[in-house]
């Protein structure tokens, strides 16, 4: 069974046992998380599509880690002005293991 959930302004396709990296949540490592915004639930036999969300369906998971992604480098540059700036950014994320879809 798969589901499509919405969290942090993004949508994720998940199944039981999947590990996903999502936008940072304020939950301790080892804690439980419940996703209420479920857009789609289905398998080979049955399909449910929400308008926009399915009422009564929830996806639960366990928080594995709170960490940061690798550094992404960027450059600002203005031609003929002797201006060049290099900067870096490391985004926080939460890794979640999906336990149950239901």
Protein backbone atom coordinates (compact mmCIF):
# COMPACT_ATOMS: atom_id res chain seq x y z
CA UNK A 1 0.00 0.00 0.00
CA UNK A 2 1.28 3.47 -0.87
CA UNK A 3 0.23 6.94 0.17
CA UNK A 4 1.00 10.50 -0.86
CA UNK A 5 1.38 12.88 2.07
CA UNK A 6 1.96 16.62 2.29
CA UNK A 7 4.37 18.16 4.79
CA UNK A 8 6.57 21.22 4.72
CA UNK A 9 4.93 22.47 1.52
CA UNK A 10 6.04 19.37 -0.40
CA UNK A 11 4.42 16.06 -1.33
CA UNK A 12 6.01 12.67 -0.69
CA UNK A 13 5.11 9.20 -1.99
CA UNK A 14 5.55 6.74 0.90
CA UNK A 15 5.02 3.07 1.74
CA UNK A 16 5.41 1.14 5.00
CA UNK A 17 9.07 0.81 5.96
CA UNK A 18 10.26 3.74 3.81
CA UNK A 19 12.79 6.22 5.18
CA UNK A 20 12.26 9.78 3.95
CA UNK A 21 14.04 13.09 4.58
CA UNK A 22 11.56 15.93 5.09
CA UNK A 23 11.69 19.54 6.21
CA UNK A 24 12.68 19.92 9.88
CA UNK A 25 10.03 19.06 12.47
CA UNK A 26 10.29 19.98 16.17
CA UNK A 27 10.08 16.40 17.46
CA UNK A 28 12.76 14.57 19.46
CA UNK A 29 14.65 11.62 17.96
CA UNK A 30 12.75 8.42 18.63
CA UNK A 31 9.43 10.28 18.85
CA UNK A 32 6.28 9.54 16.88
CA UNK A 33 4.95 11.77 14.11
CA UNK A 34 1.47 11.69 12.54
CA UNK A 35 0.79 13.08 9.07
CA UNK A 36 -2.88 14.15 8.75
CA UNK A 37 -2.67 15.66 5.26
CA UNK A 38 -3.04 12.49 3.16
CA UNK A 39 -3.76 13.13 -0.54
CA UNK A 40 -3.86 9.56 -1.89
CA UNK A 41 -4.02 6.00 -0.50
CA UNK A 42 -4.07 2.93 -2.69
CA UNK A 43 -2.79 -0.42 -3.86
CA UNK A 44 -3.54 -2.77 -6.78
CA UNK A 45 -7.14 -3.40 -5.64
CA UNK A 46 -8.42 -0.17 -4.09
CA UNK A 47 -7.71 3.53 -4.62
CA UNK A 48 -8.80 6.57 -2.57
CA UNK A 49 -8.16 10.12 -3.78
CA UNK A 50 -8.84 13.15 -1.59
CA UNK A 51 -10.32 16.52 -2.50
CA UNK A 52 -7.75 17.77 -1.48
CA UNK A 53 -7.26 15.56 1.63
CA UNK A 54 -8.78 12.24 2.71
CA UNK A 55 -10.64 12.65 6.00
CA UNK A 56 -9.93 9.97 8.62
CA UNK A 57 -6.70 8.67 7.03
CA UNK A 58 -3.39 9.13 8.80
CA UNK A 59 0.19 8.06 8.19
CA UNK A 60 2.35 7.44 11.27
CA UNK A 61 6.11 7.30 11.52
CA UNK A 62 9.09 7.38 13.85
CA UNK A 63 11.73 10.13 13.86
CA UNK A 64 15.18 8.62 13.27
CA UNK A 65 17.50 11.64 13.08
CA UNK A 66 17.59 15.44 13.09
CA UNK A 67 20.49 16.59 10.91
CA UNK A 68 21.67 18.89 8.11
CA UNK A 69 22.19 18.23 4.40
CA UNK A 70 25.54 18.71 2.67
CA UNK A 71 26.61 22.27 1.99
CA UNK A 72 25.34 23.86 -1.23
CA UNK A 73 27.49 26.66 -2.63
CA UNK A 74 26.22 29.75 -4.42
CA UNK A 75 27.80 32.79 -6.04
CA UNK A 76 26.60 36.37 -6.46
CA UNK A 77 28.32 38.35 -9.21
CA UNK A 78 27.88 41.76 -10.83
CA UNK A 79 29.75 42.35 -14.07
CA UNK A 80 32.10 45.34 -14.41
CA UNK A 81 31.65 46.25 -10.71
CA UNK A 82 34.39 44.07 -9.13
CA UNK A 83 31.74 42.37 -6.98
CA UNK A 84 31.80 38.64 -6.38
CA UNK A 85 30.45 36.86 -3.29
CA UNK A 86 30.57 33.15 -2.54
CA UNK A 87 28.18 31.75 0.08
CA UNK A 88 27.10 28.38 1.44
CA UNK A 89 23.91 26.97 2.94
CA UNK A 90 23.14 23.79 4.91
CA UNK A 91 19.43 22.95 5.20
CA UNK A 92 18.06 21.18 8.30
CA UNK A 93 16.05 17.97 7.79
CA UNK A 94 14.27 15.26 9.74
CA UNK A 95 14.60 11.62 8.72
CA UNK A 96 11.39 9.66 9.32
CA UNK A 97 10.67 5.93 8.99
CA UNK A 98 7.05 5.25 7.95
CA UNK A 99 5.38 2.72 10.27
CA UNK A 100 1.72 2.51 9.28
CA UNK A 101 -0.65 3.81 6.62
CA UNK A 102 -4.26 3.81 7.70
